[in-house]
Amino acid sequence: MQFFVFGIWCILYAYTPELYPSRARASACGFASFCGRIGALLGPTIIGIIIPMSNSMGPFIFGAVCFTLAAFVVFLYGVETKSSSLEEIST
């Protein structure tokens, strides 16, 4: 599971900057990081609720659902940046 968590951070700091023009890049990356921090705050609380209600697989299933949901959102709303200039992407 930690493998995928580290993968998400790599993608966040490689993909996110390409989506925004230079004038807004730092703010956009900061906001994306902020959203990740909200998840880091809520995660332990939610896991603390899940563990007594499920078996030992509950937290792993919760993590898999969260990763799947994030992948689905990027699939729907993500912008393909391959072979595009920053000016084309930011408009």
PDB file of N, CA and C in Angstrom:
ATOM      1  N   MET A   1       0.833  -1.183   0.000  1.00  0.00           N
ATOM      2  CA  MET A   1       0.000   0.000   0.000  1.00  0.00           C
ATOM      3  C   MET A   1       0.884   1.255   0.000  1.00  0.00           C
ATOM      4  N   GLN A   2       1.976   1.196   0.730  1.00  0.00           N
ATOM      5  CA  GLN A   2       2.873   2.346   0.789  1.00  0.00           C
ATOM      6  C   GLN A   2       3.500   2.631  -0.579  1.00  0.00           C
ATOM      7  N   PHE A   3       3.707   1.596  -1.366  1.00  0.00           N
ATOM      8  CA  PHE A   3       4.215   1.761  -2.725  1.00  0.00           C
ATOM      9  C   PHE A   3       3.317   2.706  -3.523  1.00  0.00           C
ATOM     10  N   PHE A   4       2.010   2.516  -3.421  1.00  0.00           N
ATOM     11  CA  PHE A   4       1.073   3.355  -4.162  1.00  0.00           C
ATOM     12  C   PHE A   4       1.011   4.763  -3.584  1.00  0.00           C
ATOM     13  N   VAL A   5       1.154   4.881  -2.279  1.00  0.00           N
ATOM     14  CA  VAL A   5       1.160   6.210  -1.664  1.00  0.00           C
ATOM     15  C   VAL A   5       2.341   7.024  -2.190  1.00  0.00           C
ATOM     16  N   PHE A   6       3.528   6.417  -2.209  1.00  0.00           N
ATOM     17  CA  PHE A   6       4.693   7.126  -2.736  1.00  0.00           C
ATOM     18  C   PHE A   6       4.527   7.416  -4.223  1.00  0.00           C
ATOM     19  N   GLY A   7       3.885   6.538  -4.943  1.00  0.00           N
ATOM     20  CA  GLY A   7       3.612   6.783  -6.356  1.00  0.00           C
ATOM     21  C   GLY A   7       2.729   7.996  -6.565  1.00  0.00           C
ATOM     22  N   ILE A   8       1.765   8.170  -5.693  1.00  0.00           N
ATOM     23  CA  ILE A   8       0.865   9.320  -5.801  1.00  0.00           C
ATOM     24  C   ILE A   8       1.638  10.609  -5.604  1.00  0.00           C
ATOM     25  N   TRP A   9       2.561  10.635  -4.639  1.00  0.00           N
ATOM     26  CA  TRP A   9       3.342  11.859  -4.411  1.00  0.00           C
ATOM     27  C   TRP A   9       4.209  12.175  -5.615  1.00  0.00           C
ATOM     28  N   CYS A  10       4.780  11.161  -6.234  1.00  0.00           N
ATOM     29  CA  CYS A  10       5.591  11.396  -7.437  1.00  0.00           C
ATOM     30  C   CYS A  10       4.741  11.995  -8.550  1.00  0.00           C
ATOM     31  N   ILE A  11       3.563  11.472  -8.720  1.00  0.00           N
ATOM     32  CA  ILE A  11       2.667  11.976  -9.761  1.00  0.00           C
ATOM     33  C   ILE A  11       2.213  13.389  -9.438  1.00  0.00           C
ATOM     34  N   LEU A  12       1.909  13.645  -8.183  1.00  0.00           N
ATOM     35  CA  LEU A  12       1.437  14.973  -7.784  1.00  0.00           C
ATOM     36  C   LEU A  12       2.440  16.047  -8.164  1.00  0.00           C
ATOM     37  N   TYR A  13       3.708  15.813  -7.875  1.00  0.00           N
ATOM     38  CA  TYR A  13       4.715  16.845  -8.125  1.00  0.00           C
ATOM     39  C   TYR A  13       5.282  16.815  -9.535  1.00  0.00           C
ATOM     40  N   ALA A  14       4.928  15.840 -10.336  1.00  0.00           N
ATOM     41  CA  ALA A  14       5.337  15.829 -11.746  1.00  0.00           C
ATOM     42  C   ALA A  14       4.198  16.277 -12.656  1.00  0.00           C
ATOM     43  N   TYR A  15       2.987  15.846 -12.364  1.00  0.00           N
ATOM     44  CA  TYR A  15       1.836  16.114 -13.240  1.00  0.00           C
ATOM     45  C   TYR A  15       1.193  17.472 -12.956  1.00  0.00           C
ATOM     46  N   THR A  16       1.005  17.795 -11.701  1.00  0.00           N
ATOM     47  CA  THR A  16       0.291  19.020 -11.330  1.00  0.00           C
ATOM     48  C   THR A  16       0.941  20.286 -11.882  1.00  0.00           C
ATOM     49  N   PRO A  17       2.266  20.460 -11.792  1.00  0.00           N
ATOM     50  CA  PRO A  17       2.839  21.703 -12.317  1.00  0.00           C
ATOM     51  C   PRO A  17       2.600  21.916 -13.810  1.00  0.00           C
ATOM     52  N   GLU A  18       2.443  20.841 -14.557  1.00  0.00           N
ATOM     53  CA  GLU A  18       2.221  20.975 -15.999  1.00  0.00           C
ATOM     54  C   GLU A  18       0.843  21.534 -16.333  1.00  0.00           C
ATOM     55  N   LEU A  19      -0.081  21.479 -15.407  1.00  0.00           N
ATOM     56  CA  LEU A  19      -1.460  21.869 -15.694  1.00  0.00           C
ATOM     57  C   LEU A  19      -1.716  23.362 -15.554  1.00  0.00           C
ATOM     58  N   TYR A  20      -0.790  24.079 -14.947  1.00  0.00           N
ATOM     59  CA  TYR A  20      -1.035  25.478 -14.624  1.00  0.00           C
ATOM     60  C   TYR A  20       0.014  26.372 -15.263  1.00  0.00           C
ATOM     61  N   PRO A  21      -0.378  27.589 -15.622  1.00  0.00           N
ATOM     62  CA  PRO A  21       0.615  28.530 -16.156  1.00  0.00           C
ATOM     63  C   PRO A  21       1.611  28.913 -15.057  1.00  0.00           C
ATOM     64  N   SER A  22       2.749  29.410 -15.452  1.00  0.00           N
ATOM     65  CA  SER A  22       3.813  29.729 -14.492  1.00  0.00           C
ATOM     66  C   SER A  22       3.352  30.663 -13.390  1.00  0.00           C
ATOM     67  N   ARG A  23       2.487  31.605 -13.699  1.00  0.00           N
ATOM     68  CA  ARG A  23       2.066  32.600 -12.704  1.00  0.00           C
ATOM     69  C   ARG A  23       1.248  31.982 -11.568  1.00  0.00           C
ATOM     70  N   ALA A  24       0.635  30.820 -11.790  1.00  0.00           N
ATOM     71  CA  ALA A  24      -0.208  30.196 -10.764  1.00  0.00           C
ATOM     72  C   ALA A  24       0.325  28.843 -10.304  1.00  0.00           C
ATOM     73  N   ARG A  25       1.478  28.453 -10.782  1.00  0.00           N
ATOM     74  CA  ARG A  25       1.967  27.098 -10.530  1.00  0.00           C
ATOM     75  C   ARG A  25       2.202  26.817  -9.049  1.00  0.00           C
ATOM     76  N   ALA A  26       2.859  27.703  -8.347  1.00  0.00           N
ATOM     77  CA  ALA A  26       3.163  27.461  -6.931  1.00  0.00           C
ATOM     78  C   ALA A  26       1.880  27.376  -6.108  1.00  0.00           C
ATOM     79  N   SER A  27       0.933  28.244  -6.370  1.00  0.00           N
ATOM     80  CA  SER A  27      -0.339  28.207  -5.626  1.00  0.00           C
ATOM     81  C   SER A  27      -1.114  26.929  -5.932  1.00  0.00           C
ATOM     82  N   ALA A  28      -1.124  26.521  -7.181  1.00  0.00           N
ATOM     83  CA  ALA A  28      -1.858  25.314  -7.565  1.00  0.00           C
ATOM     84  C   ALA A  28      -1.241  24.071  -6.932  1.00  0.00           C
ATOM     85  N   CYS A  29       0.076  23.975  -6.958  1.00  0.00           N
ATOM     86  CA  CYS A  29       0.743  22.822  -6.347  1.00  0.00           C
ATOM     87  C   CYS A  29       0.542  22.833  -4.836  1.00  0.00           C
ATOM     88  N   GLY A  30       0.579  24.014  -4.243  1.00  0.00           N
ATOM     89  CA  GLY A  30       0.322  24.129  -2.805  1.00  0.00           C
ATOM     90  C   GLY A  30      -1.087  23.689  -2.453  1.00  0.00           C
ATOM     91  N   PHE A  31      -2.064  24.054  -3.281  1.00  0.00           N
ATOM     92  CA  PHE A  31      -3.439  23.646  -3.016  1.00  0.00           C
ATOM     93  C   PHE A  31      -3.601  22.141  -3.153  1.00  0.00           C
ATOM     94  N   ALA A  32      -2.961  21.551  -4.151  1.00  0.00           N
ATOM     95  CA  ALA A  32      -3.027  20.098  -4.318  1.00  0.00           C
ATOM     96  C   ALA A  32      -2.394  19.394  -3.126  1.00  0.00           C
ATOM     97  N   SER A  33      -1.292  19.926  -2.637  1.00  0.00           N
ATOM     98  CA  SER A  33      -0.653  19.351  -1.460  1.00  0.00           C
ATOM     99  C   SER A  33      -1.551  19.511  -0.227  1.00  0.00           C
ATOM    100  N   PHE A  34      -2.224  20.649  -0.124  1.00  0.00           N
ATOM    101  CA  PHE A  34      -3.161  20.895   0.975  1.00  0.00           C
ATOM    102  C   PHE A  34      -4.285  19.857   0.989  1.00  0.00           C
ATOM    103  N   CYS A  35      -4.800  19.534  -0.194  1.00  0.00           N
ATOM    104  CA  CYS A  35      -5.858  18.520  -0.270  1.00  0.00           C
ATOM    105  C   CYS A  35      -5.350  17.169   0.217  1.00  0.00           C
ATOM    106  N   GLY A  36      -4.110  16.840  -0.102  1.00  0.00           N
ATOM    107  CA  GLY A  36      -3.512  15.611   0.396  1.00  0.00           C
ATOM    108  C   GLY A  36      -3.353  15.619   1.903  1.00  0.00           C
ATOM    109  N   ARG A  37      -3.040  16.772   2.450  1.00  0.00           N
ATOM    110  CA  ARG A  37      -2.889  16.881   3.910  1.00  0.00           C
ATOM    111  C   ARG A  37      -4.227  16.706   4.627  1.00  0.00           C
ATOM    112  N   ILE A  38      -5.301  17.145   4.004  1.00  0.00           N
ATOM    113  CA  ILE A  38      -6.631  16.928   4.593  1.00  0.00           C
ATOM    114  C   ILE A  38      -6.900  15.431   4.700  1.00  0.00           C
ATOM    115  N   GLY A  39      -6.552  14.703   3.655  1.00  0.00           N
ATOM    116  CA  GLY A  39      -6.692  13.247   3.695  1.00  0.00           C
ATOM    117  C   GLY A  39      -5.831  12.631   4.784  1.00  0.00           C
ATOM    118  N   ALA A  40      -4.632  13.178   4.983  1.00  0.00           N
ATOM    119  CA  ALA A  40      -3.746  12.666   6.033  1.00  0.00           C
ATOM    120  C   ALA A  40      -4.322  12.926   7.419  1.00  0.00           C
ATOM    121  N   LEU A  41      -5.077  13.998   7.555  1.00  0.00           N
ATOM    122  CA  LEU A  41      -5.730  14.285   8.840  1.00  0.00           C
ATOM    123  C   LEU A  41      -6.946  13.392   9.073  1.00  0.00           C
ATOM    124  N   LEU A  42      -7.721  13.181   8.036  1.00  0.00           N
ATOM    125  CA  LEU A  42      -8.948  12.401   8.175  1.00  0.00           C
ATOM    126  C   LEU A  42      -8.701  10.895   8.198  1.00  0.00           C
ATOM    127  N   GLY A  43      -7.656  10.451   7.519  1.00  0.00           N
ATOM    128  CA  GLY A  43      -7.379   9.023   7.389  1.00  0.00           C
ATOM    129  C   GLY A  43      -7.307   8.264   8.702  1.00  0.00           C
ATOM    130  N   PRO A  44      -6.477   8.692   9.655  1.00  0.00           N
ATOM    131  CA  PRO A  44      -6.402   7.946  10.914  1.00  0.00           C
ATOM    132  C   PRO A  44      -7.724   7.897  11.674  1.00  0.00           C
ATOM    133  N   THR A  45      -8.486   8.958  11.602  1.00  0.00           N
ATOM    134  CA  THR A  45      -9.789   8.971  12.269  1.00  0.00           C
ATOM    135  C   THR A  45     -10.735   7.973  11.615  1.00  0.00           C
ATOM    136  N   ILE A  46     -10.772   7.969  10.306  1.00  0.00           N
ATOM    137  CA  ILE A  46     -11.653   7.047   9.590  1.00  0.00           C
ATOM    138  C   ILE A  46     -11.214   5.604   9.814  1.00  0.00           C
ATOM    139  N   ILE A  47      -9.904   5.351   9.800  1.00  0.00           N
ATOM    140  CA  ILE A  47      -9.404   4.000  10.049  1.00  0.00           C
ATOM    141  C   ILE A  47      -9.761   3.567  11.471  1.00  0.00           C
ATOM    142  N   GLY A  48      -9.686   4.491  12.423  1.00  0.00           N
ATOM    143  CA  GLY A  48     -10.085   4.182  13.797  1.00  0.00           C
ATOM    144  C   GLY A  48     -11.544   3.802  13.913  1.00  0.00           C
ATOM    145  N   ILE A  49     -12.362   4.305  13.041  1.00  0.00           N
ATOM    146  CA  ILE A  49     -13.787   3.942  13.023  1.00  0.00           C
ATOM    147  C   ILE A  49     -13.987   2.608  12.309  1.00  0.00           C
ATOM    148  N   ILE A  50     -13.217   2.385  11.235  1.00  0.00           N
ATOM    149  CA  ILE A  50     -13.389   1.177  10.421  1.00  0.00           C
ATOM    150  C   ILE A  50     -12.928  -0.088  11.156  1.00  0.00           C
ATOM    151  N   ILE A  51     -11.816  -0.017  11.875  1.00  0.00           N
ATOM    152  CA  ILE A  51     -11.236  -1.219  12.492  1.00  0.00           C
ATOM    153  C   ILE A  51     -12.220  -1.943  13.407  1.00  0.00           C
ATOM    154  N   PRO A  52     -12.906  -1.282  14.323  1.00  0.00           N
ATOM    155  CA  PRO A  52     -13.839  -2.038  15.173  1.00  0.00           C
ATOM    156  C   PRO A  52     -15.059  -2.585  14.420  1.00  0.00           C
ATOM    157  N   MET A  53     -15.375  -1.991  13.275  1.00  0.00           N
ATOM    158  CA  MET A  53     -16.565  -2.401  12.534  1.00  0.00           C
ATOM    159  C   MET A  53     -16.283  -3.496  11.512  1.00  0.00           C
ATOM    160  N   SER A  54     -15.010  -3.799  11.243  1.00  0.00           N
ATOM    161  CA  SER A  54     -14.694  -4.768  10.194  1.00  0.00           C
ATOM    162  C   SER A  54     -13.579  -5.699  10.648  1.00  0.00           C
ATOM    163  N   ASN A  55     -13.202  -6.583   9.757  1.00  0.00           N
ATOM    164  CA  ASN A  55     -12.078  -7.469  10.049  1.00  0.00           C
ATOM    165  C   ASN A  55     -10.771  -6.740   9.746  1.00  0.00           C
ATOM    166  N   SER A  56      -9.676  -7.461   9.760  1.00  0.00           N
ATOM    167  CA  SER A  56      -8.376  -6.827   9.553  1.00  0.00           C
ATOM    168  C   SER A  56      -8.188  -6.297   8.138  1.00  0.00           C
ATOM    169  N   MET A  57      -9.005  -6.710   7.211  1.00  0.00           N
ATOM    170  CA  MET A  57      -8.890  -6.234   5.832  1.00  0.00           C
ATOM    171  C   MET A  57      -9.589  -4.892   5.602  1.00  0.00           C
ATOM    172  N   GLY A  58     -10.392  -4.449   6.544  1.00  0.00           N
ATOM    173  CA  GLY A  58     -11.152  -3.207   6.387  1.00  0.00           C
ATOM    174  C   GLY A  58     -10.312  -2.000   6.011  1.00  0.00           C
ATOM    175  N   PRO A  59      -9.225  -1.718   6.729  1.00  0.00           N
ATOM    176  CA  PRO A  59      -8.409  -0.554   6.357  1.00  0.00           C
ATOM    177  C   PRO A  59      -7.792  -0.670   4.964  1.00  0.00           C
ATOM    178  N   PHE A  60      -7.414  -1.887   4.554  1.00  0.00           N
ATOM    179  CA  PHE A  60      -6.825  -2.064   3.230  1.00  0.00           C
ATOM    180  C   PHE A  60      -7.874  -1.888   2.135  1.00  0.00           C
ATOM    181  N   ILE A  61      -9.070  -2.349   2.400  1.00  0.00           N
ATOM    182  CA  ILE A  61     -10.162  -2.154   1.439  1.00  0.00           C
ATOM    183  C   ILE A  61     -10.487  -0.672   1.325  1.00  0.00           C
ATOM    184  N   PHE A  62     -10.505   0.025   2.466  1.00  0.00           N
ATOM    185  CA  PHE A  62     -10.742   1.471   2.458  1.00  0.00           C
ATOM    186  C   PHE A  62      -9.680   2.183   1.623  1.00  0.00           C
ATOM    187  N   GLY A  63      -8.405   1.804   1.812  1.00  0.00           N
ATOM    188  CA  GLY A  63      -7.327   2.404   1.030  1.00  0.00           C
ATOM    189  C   GLY A  63      -7.481   2.131  -0.450  1.00  0.00           C
ATOM    190  N   ALA A  64      -7.843   0.904  -0.793  1.00  0.00           N
ATOM    191  CA  ALA A  64      -8.036   0.548  -2.200  1.00  0.00           C
ATOM    192  C   ALA A  64      -9.187   1.337  -2.818  1.00  0.00           C
ATOM    193  N   VAL A  65     -10.259   1.522  -2.064  1.00  0.00           N
ATOM    194  CA  VAL A  65     -11.393   2.308  -2.558  1.00  0.00           C
ATOM    195  C   VAL A  65     -10.971   3.758  -2.784  1.00  0.00           C
ATOM    196  N   CYS A  66     -10.199   4.316  -1.861  1.00  0.00           N
ATOM    197  CA  CYS A  66      -9.739   5.703  -2.016  1.00  0.00           C
ATOM    198  C   CYS A  66      -8.842   5.853  -3.239  1.00  0.00           C
ATOM    199  N   PHE A  67      -7.907   4.911  -3.433  1.00  0.00           N
ATOM    200  CA  PHE A  67      -7.028   4.964  -4.604  1.00  0.00           C
ATOM    201  C   PHE A  67      -7.822   4.819  -5.892  1.00  0.00           C
ATOM    202  N   THR A  68      -8.797   3.940  -5.891  1.00  0.00           N
ATOM    203  CA  THR A  68      -9.623   3.733  -7.080  1.00  0.00           C
ATOM    204  C   THR A  68     -10.443   4.974  -7.391  1.00  0.00           C
ATOM    205  N   LEU A  69     -11.005   5.589  -6.367  1.00  0.00           N
ATOM    206  CA  LEU A  69     -11.780   6.818  -6.549  1.00  0.00           C
ATOM    207  C   LEU A  69     -10.894   7.934  -7.110  1.00  0.00           C
ATOM    208  N   ALA A  70      -9.695   8.084  -6.575  1.00  0.00           N
ATOM    209  CA  ALA A  70      -8.772   9.109  -7.079  1.00  0.00           C
ATOM    210  C   ALA A  70      -8.406   8.845  -8.533  1.00  0.00           C
ATOM    211  N   ALA A  71      -8.135   7.597  -8.877  1.00  0.00           N
ATOM    212  CA  ALA A  71      -7.805   7.251 -10.266  1.00  0.00           C
ATOM    213  C   ALA A  71      -8.982   7.541 -11.186  1.00  0.00           C
ATOM    214  N   PHE A  72     -10.192   7.265 -10.733  1.00  0.00           N
ATOM    215  CA  PHE A  72     -11.379   7.522 -11.538  1.00  0.00           C
ATOM    216  C   PHE A  72     -11.559   9.026 -11.790  1.00  0.00           C
ATOM    217  N   VAL A  73     -11.335   9.839 -10.767  1.00  0.00           N
ATOM    218  CA  VAL A  73     -11.461  11.293 -10.917  1.00  0.00           C
ATOM    219  C   VAL A  73     -10.424  11.816 -11.908  1.00  0.00           C
ATOM    220  N   VAL A  74      -9.189  11.338 -11.815  1.00  0.00           N
ATOM    221  CA  VAL A  74      -8.154  11.770 -12.756  1.00  0.00           C
ATOM    222  C   VAL A  74      -8.488  11.285 -14.161  1.00  0.00           C
ATOM    223  N   PHE A  75      -9.021  10.077 -14.269  1.00  0.00           N
ATOM    224  CA  PHE A  75      -9.412   9.559 -15.582  1.00  0.00           C
ATOM    225  C   PHE A  75     -10.491  10.438 -16.215  1.00  0.00           C
ATOM    226  N   LEU A  76     -11.461  10.883 -15.421  1.00  0.00           N
ATOM    227  CA  LEU A  76     -12.544  11.710 -15.947  1.00  0.00           C
ATOM    228  C   LEU A  76     -12.118  13.143 -16.234  1.00  0.00           C
ATOM    229  N   TYR A  77     -11.380  13.747 -15.314  1.00  0.00           N
ATOM    230  CA  TYR A  77     -11.099  15.172 -15.397  1.00  0.00           C
ATOM    231  C   TYR A  77      -9.646  15.512 -15.701  1.00  0.00           C
ATOM    232  N   GLY A  78      -8.774  14.529 -15.738  1.00  0.00           N
ATOM    233  CA  GLY A  78      -7.360  14.788 -15.988  1.00  0.00           C
ATOM    234  C   GLY A  78      -7.113  15.270 -17.410  1.00  0.00           C
ATOM    235  N   VAL A  79      -6.073  16.049 -17.566  1.00  0.00           N
ATOM    236  CA  VAL A  79      -5.705  16.608 -18.862  1.00  0.00           C
ATOM    237  C   VAL A  79      -4.472  15.870 -19.356  1.00  0.00           C
ATOM    238  N   GLU A  80      -4.497  15.411 -20.590  1.00  0.00           N
ATOM    239  CA  GLU A  80      -3.327  14.752 -21.178  1.00  0.00           C
ATOM    240  C   GLU A  80      -2.312  15.824 -21.537  1.00  0.00           C
ATOM    241  N   THR A  81      -1.112  15.719 -20.988  1.00  0.00           N
ATOM    242  CA  THR A  81      -0.083  16.731 -21.214  1.00  0.00           C
ATOM    243  C   THR A  81       1.020  16.263 -22.150  1.00  0.00           C
ATOM    244  N   LYS A  82       0.935  15.050 -22.624  1.00  0.00           N
ATOM    245  CA  LYS A  82       1.976  14.499 -23.492  1.00  0.00           C
ATOM    246  C   LYS A  82       2.032  15.273 -24.815  1.00  0.00           C
ATOM    247  N   SER A  83       3.222  15.658 -25.210  1.00  0.00           N
ATOM    248  CA  SER A  83       3.476  16.360 -26.486  1.00  0.00           C
ATOM    249  C   SER A  83       2.743  17.689 -26.587  1.00  0.00           C
ATOM    250  N   SER A  84       2.493  18.330 -25.448  1.00  0.00           N
ATOM    251  CA  SER A  84       1.831  19.637 -25.460  1.00  0.00           C
ATOM    252  C   SER A  84       2.739  20.661 -24.798  1.00  0.00           C
ATOM    253  N   SER A  85       2.678  21.891 -25.282  1.00  0.00           N
ATOM    254  CA  SER A  85       3.445  22.954 -24.643  1.00  0.00           C
ATOM    255  C   SER A  85       2.665  23.466 -23.436  1.00  0.00           C
ATOM    256  N   LEU A  86       3.374  24.141 -22.540  1.00  0.00           N
ATOM    257  CA  LEU A  86       2.704  24.677 -21.359  1.00  0.00           C
ATOM    258  C   LEU A  86       1.642  25.709 -21.734  1.00  0.00           C
ATOM    259  N   GLU A  87       1.870  26.448 -22.790  1.00  0.00           N
ATOM    260  CA  GLU A  87       0.887  27.456 -23.218  1.00  0.00           C
ATOM    261  C   GLU A  87      -0.416  26.796 -23.670  1.00  0.00           C
ATOM    262  N   GLU A  88      -0.311  25.668 -24.364  1.00  0.00           N
ATOM    263  CA  GLU A  88      -1.524  24.951 -24.818  1.00  0.00           C
ATOM    264  C   GLU A  88      -2.292  24.376 -23.652  1.00  0.00           C
ATOM    265  N   ILE A  89      -1.602  23.853 -22.673  1.00  0.00           N
ATOM    266  CA  ILE A  89      -2.254  23.210 -21.538  1.00  0.00           C
ATOM    267  C   ILE A  89      -2.946  24.227 -20.649  1.00  0.00           C
ATOM    268  N   SER A  90      -2.344  25.382 -20.459  1.00  0.00           N
ATOM    269  CA  SER A  90      -2.860  26.354 -19.500  1.00  0.00           C
ATOM    270  C   SER A  90      -4.029  27.168 -20.014  1.00  0.00           C
ATOM    271  N   THR A  91      -4.417  26.988 -21.250  1.00  0.00           N
ATOM    272  CA  THR A  91      -5.560  27.764 -21.765  1.00  0.00           C
ATOM    273  C   THR A  91      -6.847  27.007 -21.647  1.00  0.00           C
TER     274      THR A  91
END
